[in-house]
Amino acid sequence: MFDTHAVARSLTAADFTPAQADALTDALRAAAEQGDHVTADQFKAGQAEVRAEIANLDTRLSTQMSRIESELKSDMKLLKFGYGPVILGLLVKLVFFP
């Protein structure tokens, strides 16, 4: 429960004019009634959800990077050992059979 009278009295005691105190009190009451504020527990729960999602994305990204690395290594072996004999054959042909 938001005690508007107590807030207005506190503001007036802190040298706010009555009009200023009323305006600020009304704004605070409206914000409190909207219900779009977050409690500390709600904030911590939301923070935990975000951290879990980041960890999930990190795991998925690491898995994809490992797969890509494996595919690249496989492709490099193919280039190294697959085309080596072809290049050697071309060199032999050029040197011995011009």
PDB file of N, CA and C in Angstrom:
ATOM      1  N   MET A   1       0.849  -1.173   0.000  1.00  0.00           N
ATOM      2  CA  MET A   1       0.000   0.000   0.000  1.00  0.00           C
ATOM      3  C   MET A   1       0.891   1.232   0.000  1.00  0.00           C
ATOM      4  N   PHE A   2       0.548   2.184  -0.823  1.00  0.00           N
ATOM      5  CA  PHE A   2       1.326   3.407  -0.971  1.00  0.00           C
ATOM      6  C   PHE A   2       0.650   4.532  -0.192  1.00  0.00           C
ATOM      7  N   ASP A   3       1.290   5.005   0.851  1.00  0.00           N
ATOM      8  CA  ASP A   3       0.722   6.057   1.710  1.00  0.00           C
ATOM      9  C   ASP A   3       1.085   7.425   1.133  1.00  0.00           C
ATOM     10  N   THR A   4       0.195   7.967   0.311  1.00  0.00           N
ATOM     11  CA  THR A   4       0.466   9.233  -0.365  1.00  0.00           C
ATOM     12  C   THR A   4       0.580  10.397   0.613  1.00  0.00           C
ATOM     13  N   HIS A   5      -0.207  10.355   1.672  1.00  0.00           N
ATOM     14  CA  HIS A   5      -0.166  11.447   2.645  1.00  0.00           C
ATOM     15  C   HIS A   5       1.196  11.504   3.335  1.00  0.00           C
ATOM     16  N   ALA A   6       1.744  10.354   3.693  1.00  0.00           N
ATOM     17  CA  ALA A   6       3.051  10.311   4.355  1.00  0.00           C
ATOM     18  C   ALA A   6       4.156  10.789   3.410  1.00  0.00           C
ATOM     19  N   VAL A   7       4.048  10.416   2.154  1.00  0.00           N
ATOM     20  CA  VAL A   7       5.053  10.856   1.185  1.00  0.00           C
ATOM     21  C   VAL A   7       4.977  12.364   0.999  1.00  0.00           C
ATOM     22  N   ALA A   8       3.786  12.896   0.834  1.00  0.00           N
ATOM     23  CA  ALA A   8       3.615  14.337   0.660  1.00  0.00           C
ATOM     24  C   ALA A   8       4.136  15.107   1.869  1.00  0.00           C
ATOM     25  N   ARG A   9       3.866  14.598   3.079  1.00  0.00           N
ATOM     26  CA  ARG A   9       4.379  15.242   4.303  1.00  0.00           C
ATOM     27  C   ARG A   9       5.903  15.229   4.324  1.00  0.00           C
ATOM     28  N   SER A  10       6.504  14.094   3.944  1.00  0.00           N
ATOM     29  CA  SER A  10       7.966  13.995   3.925  1.00  0.00           C
ATOM     30  C   SER A  10       8.573  14.977   2.931  1.00  0.00           C
ATOM     31  N   LEU A  11       7.950  15.087   1.780  1.00  0.00           N
ATOM     32  CA  LEU A  11       8.466  16.003   0.763  1.00  0.00           C
ATOM     33  C   LEU A  11       8.310  17.460   1.204  1.00  0.00           C
ATOM     34  N   THR A  12       7.190  17.767   1.796  1.00  0.00           N
ATOM     35  CA  THR A  12       6.962  19.131   2.290  1.00  0.00           C
ATOM     36  C   THR A  12       7.971  19.466   3.389  1.00  0.00           C
ATOM     37  N   ALA A  13       8.256  18.510   4.254  1.00  0.00           N
ATOM     38  CA  ALA A  13       9.247  18.711   5.320  1.00  0.00           C
ATOM     39  C   ALA A  13      10.649  18.904   4.741  1.00  0.00           C
ATOM     40  N   ALA A  14      10.869  18.402   3.506  1.00  0.00           N
ATOM     41  CA  ALA A  14      12.177  18.542   2.860  1.00  0.00           C
ATOM     42  C   ALA A  14      12.209  19.771   1.956  1.00  0.00           C
ATOM     43  N   ASP A  15      11.335  20.732   2.234  1.00  0.00           N
ATOM     44  CA  ASP A  15      11.279  22.025   1.527  1.00  0.00           C
ATOM     45  C   ASP A  15      10.712  21.960   0.117  1.00  0.00           C
ATOM     46  N   PHE A  16       9.938  20.928  -0.193  1.00  0.00           N
ATOM     47  CA  PHE A  16       9.167  20.946  -1.432  1.00  0.00           C
ATOM     48  C   PHE A  16       7.947  21.823  -1.186  1.00  0.00           C
ATOM     49  N   THR A  17       7.495  22.497  -2.208  1.00  0.00           N
ATOM     50  CA  THR A  17       6.242  23.232  -2.057  1.00  0.00           C
ATOM     51  C   THR A  17       5.113  22.212  -2.016  1.00  0.00           C
ATOM     52  N   PRO A  18       3.959  22.569  -1.478  1.00  0.00           N
ATOM     53  CA  PRO A  18       2.835  21.618  -1.484  1.00  0.00           C
ATOM     54  C   PRO A  18       2.470  21.147  -2.890  1.00  0.00           C
ATOM     55  N   ALA A  19       2.554  22.044  -3.864  1.00  0.00           N
ATOM     56  CA  ALA A  19       2.236  21.647  -5.242  1.00  0.00           C
ATOM     57  C   ALA A  19       3.260  20.641  -5.768  1.00  0.00           C
ATOM     58  N   GLN A  20       4.540  20.872  -5.485  1.00  0.00           N
ATOM     59  CA  GLN A  20       5.590  19.947  -5.909  1.00  0.00           C
ATOM     60  C   GLN A  20       5.418  18.591  -5.223  1.00  0.00           C
ATOM     61  N   ALA A  21       5.144  18.634  -3.934  1.00  0.00           N
ATOM     62  CA  ALA A  21       4.968  17.389  -3.171  1.00  0.00           C
ATOM     63  C   ALA A  21       3.782  16.596  -3.715  1.00  0.00           C
ATOM     64  N   ASP A  22       2.680  17.290  -4.004  1.00  0.00           N
ATOM     65  CA  ASP A  22       1.501  16.606  -4.551  1.00  0.00           C
ATOM     66  C   ASP A  22       1.797  16.006  -5.929  1.00  0.00           C
ATOM     67  N   ALA A  23       2.487  16.766  -6.779  1.00  0.00           N
ATOM     68  CA  ALA A  23       2.791  16.282  -8.134  1.00  0.00           C
ATOM     69  C   ALA A  23       3.694  15.049  -8.083  1.00  0.00           C
ATOM     70  N   LEU A  24       4.722  15.108  -7.264  1.00  0.00           N
ATOM     71  CA  LEU A  24       5.632  13.967  -7.157  1.00  0.00           C
ATOM     72  C   LEU A  24       4.938  12.765  -6.524  1.00  0.00           C
ATOM     73  N   THR A  25       4.133  13.011  -5.525  1.00  0.00           N
ATOM     74  CA  THR A  25       3.384  11.927  -4.878  1.00  0.00           C
ATOM     75  C   THR A  25       2.441  11.257  -5.868  1.00  0.00           C
ATOM     76  N   ASP A  26       1.748  12.061  -6.676  1.00  0.00           N
ATOM     77  CA  ASP A  26       0.852  11.499  -7.695  1.00  0.00           C
ATOM     78  C   ASP A  26       1.624  10.655  -8.716  1.00  0.00           C
ATOM     79  N   ALA A  27       2.781  11.145  -9.123  1.00  0.00           N
ATOM     80  CA  ALA A  27       3.591  10.395 -10.089  1.00  0.00           C
ATOM     81  C   ALA A  27       4.074   9.073  -9.492  1.00  0.00           C
ATOM     82  N   LEU A  28       4.502   9.110  -8.243  1.00  0.00           N
ATOM     83  CA  LEU A  28       4.958   7.891  -7.574  1.00  0.00           C
ATOM     84  C   LEU A  28       3.813   6.890  -7.391  1.00  0.00           C
ATOM     85  N   ARG A  29       2.633   7.410  -6.997  1.00  0.00           N
ATOM     86  CA  ARG A  29       1.466   6.541  -6.825  1.00  0.00           C
ATOM     87  C   ARG A  29       1.082   5.878  -8.150  1.00  0.00           C
ATOM     88  N   ALA A  30       1.085   6.661  -9.238  1.00  0.00           N
ATOM     89  CA  ALA A  30       0.732   6.115 -10.550  1.00  0.00           C
ATOM     90  C   ALA A  30       1.723   5.031 -10.969  1.00  0.00           C
ATOM     91  N   ALA A  31       2.999   5.267 -10.728  1.00  0.00           N
ATOM     92  CA  ALA A  31       4.015   4.271 -11.084  1.00  0.00           C
ATOM     93  C   ALA A  31       3.838   2.995 -10.264  1.00  0.00           C
ATOM     94  N   ALA A  32       3.518   3.153  -8.977  1.00  0.00           N
ATOM     95  CA  ALA A  32       3.329   1.982  -8.118  1.00  0.00           C
ATOM     96  C   ALA A  32       2.088   1.201  -8.518  1.00  0.00           C
ATOM     97  N   GLU A  33       1.048   1.889  -8.966  1.00  0.00           N
ATOM     98  CA  GLU A  33      -0.197   1.218  -9.341  1.00  0.00           C
ATOM     99  C   GLU A  33      -0.104   0.501 -10.682  1.00  0.00           C
ATOM    100  N   GLN A  34       0.799   0.935 -11.540  1.00  0.00           N
ATOM    101  CA  GLN A  34       0.936   0.294 -12.850  1.00  0.00           C
ATOM    102  C   GLN A  34       1.406  -1.144 -12.723  1.00  0.00           C
ATOM    103  N   GLY A  35       2.125  -1.422 -11.683  1.00  0.00           N
ATOM    104  CA  GLY A  35       2.549  -2.801 -11.437  1.00  0.00           C
ATOM    105  C   GLY A  35       3.642  -3.287 -12.368  1.00  0.00           C
ATOM    106  N   ASP A  36       4.304  -2.366 -13.066  1.00  0.00           N
ATOM    107  CA  ASP A  36       5.359  -2.826 -13.956  1.00  0.00           C
ATOM    108  C   ASP A  36       6.741  -2.708 -13.316  1.00  0.00           C
ATOM    109  N   HIS A  37       6.753  -2.632 -11.999  1.00  0.00           N
ATOM    110  CA  HIS A  37       8.012  -2.639 -11.275  1.00  0.00           C
ATOM    111  C   HIS A  37       8.424  -4.095 -11.008  1.00  0.00           C
ATOM    112  N   VAL A  38       9.657  -4.285 -10.718  1.00  0.00           N
ATOM    113  CA  VAL A  38      10.204  -5.632 -10.532  1.00  0.00           C
ATOM    114  C   VAL A  38      10.763  -5.752  -9.124  1.00  0.00           C
ATOM    115  N   THR A  39      10.450  -6.849  -8.487  1.00  0.00           N
ATOM    116  CA  THR A  39      11.020  -7.091  -7.162  1.00  0.00           C
ATOM    117  C   THR A  39      12.435  -7.645  -7.337  1.00  0.00           C
ATOM    118  N   ALA A  40      13.186  -7.641  -6.257  1.00  0.00           N
ATOM    119  CA  ALA A  40      14.553  -8.170  -6.311  1.00  0.00           C
ATOM    120  C   ALA A  40      14.542  -9.642  -6.707  1.00  0.00           C
ATOM    121  N   ASP A  41      13.580 -10.408  -6.185  1.00  0.00           N
ATOM    122  CA  ASP A  41      13.495 -11.828  -6.534  1.00  0.00           C
ATOM    123  C   ASP A  41      13.165 -12.024  -8.010  1.00  0.00           C
ATOM    124  N   GLN A  42      12.255 -11.186  -8.539  1.00  0.00           N
ATOM    125  CA  GLN A  42      11.921 -11.284  -9.962  1.00  0.00           C
ATOM    126  C   GLN A  42      13.131 -10.926 -10.818  1.00  0.00           C
ATOM    127  N   PHE A  43      13.864  -9.914 -10.387  1.00  0.00           N
ATOM    128  CA  PHE A  43      15.058  -9.518 -11.132  1.00  0.00           C
ATOM    129  C   PHE A  43      16.080 -10.646 -11.153  1.00  0.00           C
ATOM    130  N   LYS A  44      16.305 -11.263  -9.994  1.00  0.00           N
ATOM    131  CA  LYS A  44      17.269 -12.363  -9.912  1.00  0.00           C
ATOM    132  C   LYS A  44      16.826 -13.550 -10.756  1.00  0.00           C
ATOM    133  N   ALA A  45      15.519 -13.834 -10.775  1.00  0.00           N
ATOM    134  CA  ALA A  45      14.996 -14.934 -11.593  1.00  0.00           C
ATOM    135  C   ALA A  45      15.205 -14.635 -13.076  1.00  0.00           C
ATOM    136  N   GLY A  46      14.935 -13.405 -13.478  1.00  0.00           N
ATOM    137  CA  GLY A  46      15.143 -13.015 -14.871  1.00  0.00           C
ATOM    138  C   GLY A  46      16.615 -13.069 -15.240  1.00  0.00           C
ATOM    139  N   GLN A  47      17.452 -12.648 -14.330  1.00  0.00           N
ATOM    140  CA  GLN A  47      18.893 -12.687 -14.557  1.00  0.00           C
ATOM    141  C   GLN A  47      19.364 -14.134 -14.720  1.00  0.00           C
ATOM    142  N   ALA A  48      18.825 -15.038 -13.916  1.00  0.00           N
ATOM    143  CA  ALA A  48      19.189 -16.453 -14.023  1.00  0.00           C
ATOM    144  C   ALA A  48      18.740 -17.019 -15.366  1.00  0.00           C
ATOM    145  N   GLU A  49      17.554 -16.612 -15.840  1.00  0.00           N
ATOM    146  CA  GLU A  49      17.078 -17.072 -17.143  1.00  0.00           C
ATOM    147  C   GLU A  49      17.996 -16.601 -18.261  1.00  0.00           C
ATOM    148  N   VAL A  50      18.410 -15.352 -18.192  1.00  0.00           N
ATOM    149  CA  VAL A  50      19.303 -14.807 -19.217  1.00  0.00           C
ATOM    150  C   VAL A  50      20.641 -15.538 -19.191  1.00  0.00           C
ATOM    151  N   ARG A  51      21.164 -15.775 -18.006  1.00  0.00           N
ATOM    152  CA  ARG A  51      22.439 -16.497 -17.898  1.00  0.00           C
ATOM    153  C   ARG A  51      22.323 -17.921 -18.433  1.00  0.00           C
ATOM    154  N   ALA A  52      21.199 -18.576 -18.163  1.00  0.00           N
ATOM    155  CA  ALA A  52      21.000 -19.938 -18.675  1.00  0.00           C
ATOM    156  C   ALA A  52      20.924 -19.931 -20.199  1.00  0.00           C
ATOM    157  N   GLU A  53      20.257 -18.937 -20.755  1.00  0.00           N
ATOM    158  CA  GLU A  53      20.151 -18.839 -22.218  1.00  0.00           C
ATOM    159  C   GLU A  53      21.517 -18.569 -22.839  1.00  0.00           C
ATOM    160  N   ILE A  54      22.308 -17.719 -22.208  1.00  0.00           N
ATOM    161  CA  ILE A  54      23.658 -17.446 -22.699  1.00  0.00           C
ATOM    162  C   ILE A  54      24.502 -18.710 -22.643  1.00  0.00           C
ATOM    163  N   ALA A  55      24.391 -19.475 -21.562  1.00  0.00           N
ATOM    164  CA  ALA A  55      25.148 -20.732 -21.443  1.00  0.00           C
ATOM    165  C   ALA A  55      24.707 -21.713 -22.522  1.00  0.00           C
ATOM    166  N   ASN A  56      23.404 -21.764 -22.801  1.00  0.00           N
ATOM    167  CA  ASN A  56      22.890 -22.645 -23.847  1.00  0.00           C
ATOM    168  C   ASN A  56      23.445 -22.229 -25.209  1.00  0.00           C
ATOM    169  N   LEU A  57      23.433 -20.933 -25.496  1.00  0.00           N
ATOM    170  CA  LEU A  57      23.972 -20.446 -26.764  1.00  0.00           C
ATOM    171  C   LEU A  57      25.466 -20.718 -26.868  1.00  0.00           C
ATOM    172  N   ASP A  58      26.169 -20.570 -25.756  1.00  0.00           N
ATOM    173  CA  ASP A  58      27.606 -20.838 -25.741  1.00  0.00           C
ATOM    174  C   ASP A  58      27.882 -22.306 -26.059  1.00  0.00           C
ATOM    175  N   THR A  59      27.091 -23.191 -25.477  1.00  0.00           N
ATOM    176  CA  THR A  59      27.253 -24.628 -25.741  1.00  0.00           C
ATOM    177  C   THR A  59      26.978 -24.940 -27.199  1.00  0.00           C
ATOM    178  N   ARG A  60      25.884 -24.378 -27.733  1.00  0.00           N
ATOM    179  CA  ARG A  60      25.540 -24.632 -29.134  1.00  0.00           C
ATOM    180  C   ARG A  60      26.616 -24.090 -30.073  1.00  0.00           C
ATOM    181  N   LEU A  61      27.127 -22.905 -29.774  1.00  0.00           N
ATOM    182  CA  LEU A  61      28.165 -22.308 -30.598  1.00  0.00           C
ATOM    183  C   LEU A  61      29.444 -23.131 -30.547  1.00  0.00           C
ATOM    184  N   SER A  62      29.817 -23.596 -29.361  1.00  0.00           N
ATOM    185  CA  SER A  62      31.015 -24.431 -29.225  1.00  0.00           C
ATOM    186  C   SER A  62      30.873 -25.721 -30.009  1.00  0.00           C
ATOM    187  N   THR A  63      29.691 -26.319 -29.971  1.00  0.00           N
ATOM    188  CA  THR A  63      29.445 -27.553 -30.715  1.00  0.00           C
ATOM    189  C   THR A  63      29.574 -27.310 -32.208  1.00  0.00           C
ATOM    190  N   GLN A  64      28.989 -26.233 -32.694  1.00  0.00           N
ATOM    191  CA  GLN A  64      29.069 -25.929 -34.122  1.00  0.00           C
ATOM    192  C   GLN A  64      30.501 -25.624 -34.541  1.00  0.00           C
ATOM    193  N   MET A  65      31.218 -24.902 -33.706  1.00  0.00           N
ATOM    194  CA  MET A  65      32.615 -24.594 -34.043  1.00  0.00           C
ATOM    195  C   MET A  65      33.469 -25.851 -34.084  1.00  0.00           C
ATOM    196  N   SER A  66      33.223 -26.778 -33.168  1.00  0.00           N
ATOM    197  CA  SER A  66      33.963 -28.043 -33.178  1.00  0.00           C
ATOM    198  C   SER A  66      33.663 -28.845 -34.441  1.00  0.00           C
ATOM    199  N   ARG A  67      32.388 -28.846 -34.852  1.00  0.00           N
ATOM    200  CA  ARG A  67      32.006 -29.562 -36.068  1.00  0.00           C
ATOM    201  C   ARG A  67      32.677 -28.940 -37.292  1.00  0.00           C
ATOM    202  N   ILE A  68      32.673 -27.618 -37.365  1.00  0.00           N
ATOM    203  CA  ILE A  68      33.298 -26.929 -38.496  1.00  0.00           C
ATOM    204  C   ILE A  68      34.803 -27.183 -38.516  1.00  0.00           C
ATOM    205  N   GLU A  69      35.424 -27.155 -37.352  1.00  0.00           N
ATOM    206  CA  GLU A  69      36.862 -27.423 -37.264  1.00  0.00           C
ATOM    207  C   GLU A  69      37.172 -28.833 -37.752  1.00  0.00           C
ATOM    208  N   SER A  70      36.352 -29.787 -37.348  1.00  0.00           N
ATOM    209  CA  SER A  70      36.539 -31.168 -37.778  1.00  0.00           C
ATOM    210  C   SER A  70      36.391 -31.296 -39.295  1.00  0.00           C
ATOM    211  N   GLU A  71      35.391 -30.634 -39.855  1.00  0.00           N
ATOM    212  CA  GLU A  71      35.185 -30.680 -41.306  1.00  0.00           C
ATOM    213  C   GLU A  71      36.353 -30.039 -42.049  1.00  0.00           C
ATOM    214  N   LEU A  72      36.864 -28.938 -41.517  1.00  0.00           N
ATOM    215  CA  LEU A  72      38.002 -28.282 -42.157  1.00  0.00           C
ATOM    216  C   LEU A  72      39.252 -29.163 -42.125  1.00  0.00           C
ATOM    217  N   LYS A  73      39.477 -29.819 -40.998  1.00  0.00           N
ATOM    218  CA  LYS A  73      40.627 -30.728 -40.915  1.00  0.00           C
ATOM    219  C   LYS A  73      40.488 -31.865 -41.919  1.00  0.00           C
ATOM    220  N   SER A  74      39.291 -32.376 -42.053  1.00  0.00           N
ATOM    221  CA  SER A  74      39.039 -33.449 -43.015  1.00  0.00           C
ATOM    222  C   SER A  74      39.277 -32.955 -44.436  1.00  0.00           C
ATOM    223  N   ASP A  75      38.796 -31.758 -44.747  1.00  0.00           N
ATOM    224  CA  ASP A  75      39.007 -31.192 -46.080  1.00  0.00           C
ATOM    225  C   ASP A  75      40.482 -30.953 -46.354  1.00  0.00           C
ATOM    226  N   MET A  76      41.213 -30.505 -45.351  1.00  0.00           N
ATOM    227  CA  MET A  76      42.644 -30.269 -45.531  1.00  0.00           C
ATOM    228  C   MET A  76      43.402 -31.570 -45.779  1.00  0.00           C
ATOM    229  N   LYS A  77      43.003 -32.654 -45.106  1.00  0.00           N
ATOM    230  CA  LYS A  77      43.630 -33.952 -45.356  1.00  0.00           C
ATOM    231  C   LYS A  77      43.378 -34.402 -46.782  1.00  0.00           C
ATOM    232  N   LEU A  78      42.146 -34.164 -47.258  1.00  0.00           N
ATOM    233  CA  LEU A  78      41.807 -34.519 -48.636  1.00  0.00           C
ATOM    234  C   LEU A  78      42.676 -33.747 -49.606  1.00  0.00           C
ATOM    235  N   LEU A  79      42.854 -32.467 -49.356  1.00  0.00           N
ATOM    236  CA  LEU A  79      43.707 -31.665 -50.231  1.00  0.00           C
ATOM    237  C   LEU A  79      45.154 -32.137 -50.177  1.00  0.00           C
ATOM    238  N   LYS A  80      45.608 -32.419 -48.981  1.00  0.00           N
ATOM    239  CA  LYS A  80      47.009 -32.810 -48.785  1.00  0.00           C
ATOM    240  C   LYS A  80      47.310 -34.170 -49.393  1.00  0.00           C
ATOM    241  N   PHE A  81      46.482 -35.146 -49.107  1.00  0.00           N
ATOM    242  CA  PHE A  81      46.769 -36.502 -49.559  1.00  0.00           C
ATOM    243  C   PHE A  81      46.048 -36.867 -50.853  1.00  0.00           C
ATOM    244  N   GLY A  82      44.980 -36.192 -51.173  1.00  0.00           N
ATOM    245  CA  GLY A  82      44.227 -36.502 -52.384  1.00  0.00           C
ATOM    246  C   GLY A  82      44.857 -35.893 -53.620  1.00  0.00           C
ATOM    247  N   TYR A  83      45.325 -34.672 -53.504  1.00  0.00           N
ATOM    248  CA  TYR A  83      45.900 -33.997 -54.666  1.00  0.00           C
ATOM    249  C   TYR A  83      47.411 -34.178 -54.757  1.00  0.00           C
ATOM    250  N   GLY A  84      48.046 -34.633 -53.707  1.00  0.00           N
ATOM    251  CA  GLY A  84      49.495 -34.865 -53.727  1.00  0.00           C
ATOM    252  C   GLY A  84      49.917 -35.799 -54.848  1.00  0.00           C
ATOM    253  N   PRO A  85      49.301 -36.980 -54.969  1.00  0.00           N
ATOM    254  CA  PRO A  85      49.689 -37.882 -56.059  1.00  0.00           C
ATOM    255  C   PRO A  85      49.400 -37.286 -57.442  1.00  0.00           C
ATOM    256  N   VAL A  86      48.354 -36.508 -57.565  1.00  0.00           N
ATOM    257  CA  VAL A  86      48.037 -35.890 -58.850  1.00  0.00           C
ATOM    258  C   VAL A  86      49.121 -34.905 -59.236  1.00  0.00           C
ATOM    259  N   ILE A  87      49.529 -34.071 -58.272  1.00  0.00           N
ATOM    260  CA  ILE A  87      50.579 -33.094 -58.539  1.00  0.00           C
ATOM    261  C   ILE A  87      51.892 -33.804 -58.841  1.00  0.00           C
ATOM    262  N   LEU A  88      52.186 -34.854 -58.098  1.00  0.00           N
ATOM    263  CA  LEU A  88      53.407 -35.629 -58.353  1.00  0.00           C
ATOM    264  C   LEU A  88      53.376 -36.228 -59.753  1.00  0.00           C
ATOM    265  N   GLY A  89      52.226 -36.753 -60.147  1.00  0.00           N
ATOM    266  CA  GLY A  89      52.094 -37.316 -61.497  1.00  0.00           C
ATOM    267  C   GLY A  89      52.304 -36.263 -62.564  1.00  0.00           C
ATOM    268  N   LEU A  90      51.763 -35.066 -62.361  1.00  0.00           N
ATOM    269  CA  LEU A  90      51.955 -33.988 -63.334  1.00  0.00           C
ATOM    270  C   LEU A  90      53.425 -33.575 -63.422  1.00  0.00           C
ATOM    271  N   LEU A  91      54.081 -33.517 -62.279  1.00  0.00           N
ATOM    272  CA  LEU A  91      55.507 -33.169 -62.276  1.00  0.00           C
ATOM    273  C   LEU A  91      56.328 -34.223 -62.996  1.00  0.00           C
ATOM    274  N   VAL A  92      56.041 -35.499 -62.759  1.00  0.00           N
ATOM    275  CA  VAL A  92      56.759 -36.592 -63.447  1.00  0.00           C
ATOM    276  C   VAL A  92      56.536 -36.480 -64.961  1.00  0.00           C
ATOM    277  N   LYS A  93      55.307 -36.213 -65.365  1.00  0.00           N
ATOM    278  CA  LYS A  93      55.003 -36.087 -66.788  1.00  0.00           C
ATOM    279  C   LYS A  93      55.749 -34.917 -67.397  1.00  0.00           C
ATOM    280  N   LEU A  94      55.774 -33.783 -66.706  1.00  0.00           N
ATOM    281  CA  LEU A  94      56.463 -32.603 -67.234  1.00  0.00           C
ATOM    282  C   LEU A  94      57.971 -32.813 -67.331  1.00  0.00           C
ATOM    283  N   VAL A  95      58.530 -33.490 -66.324  1.00  0.00           N
ATOM    284  CA  VAL A  95      59.986 -33.681 -66.311  1.00  0.00           C
ATOM    285  C   VAL A  95      60.411 -34.774 -67.294  1.00  0.00           C
ATOM    286  N   PHE A  96      59.715 -35.908 -67.308  1.00  0.00           N
ATOM    287  CA  PHE A  96      60.166 -37.036 -68.115  1.00  0.00           C
ATOM    288  C   PHE A  96      59.493 -37.133 -69.485  1.00  0.00           C
ATOM    289  N   PHE A  97      58.374 -36.521 -69.646  1.00  0.00           N
ATOM    290  CA  PHE A  97      57.656 -36.583 -70.908  1.00  0.00           C
ATOM    291  C   PHE A  97      57.210 -35.192 -71.342  1.00  0.00           C
ATOM    292  N   PRO A  98      58.176 -34.367 -71.724  1.00  0.00           N
ATOM    293  CA  PRO A  98      57.829 -32.989 -72.063  1.00  0.00           C
ATOM    294  C   PRO A  98      57.012 -32.884 -73.290  1.00  0.00           C
TER     295      PRO A  98
END
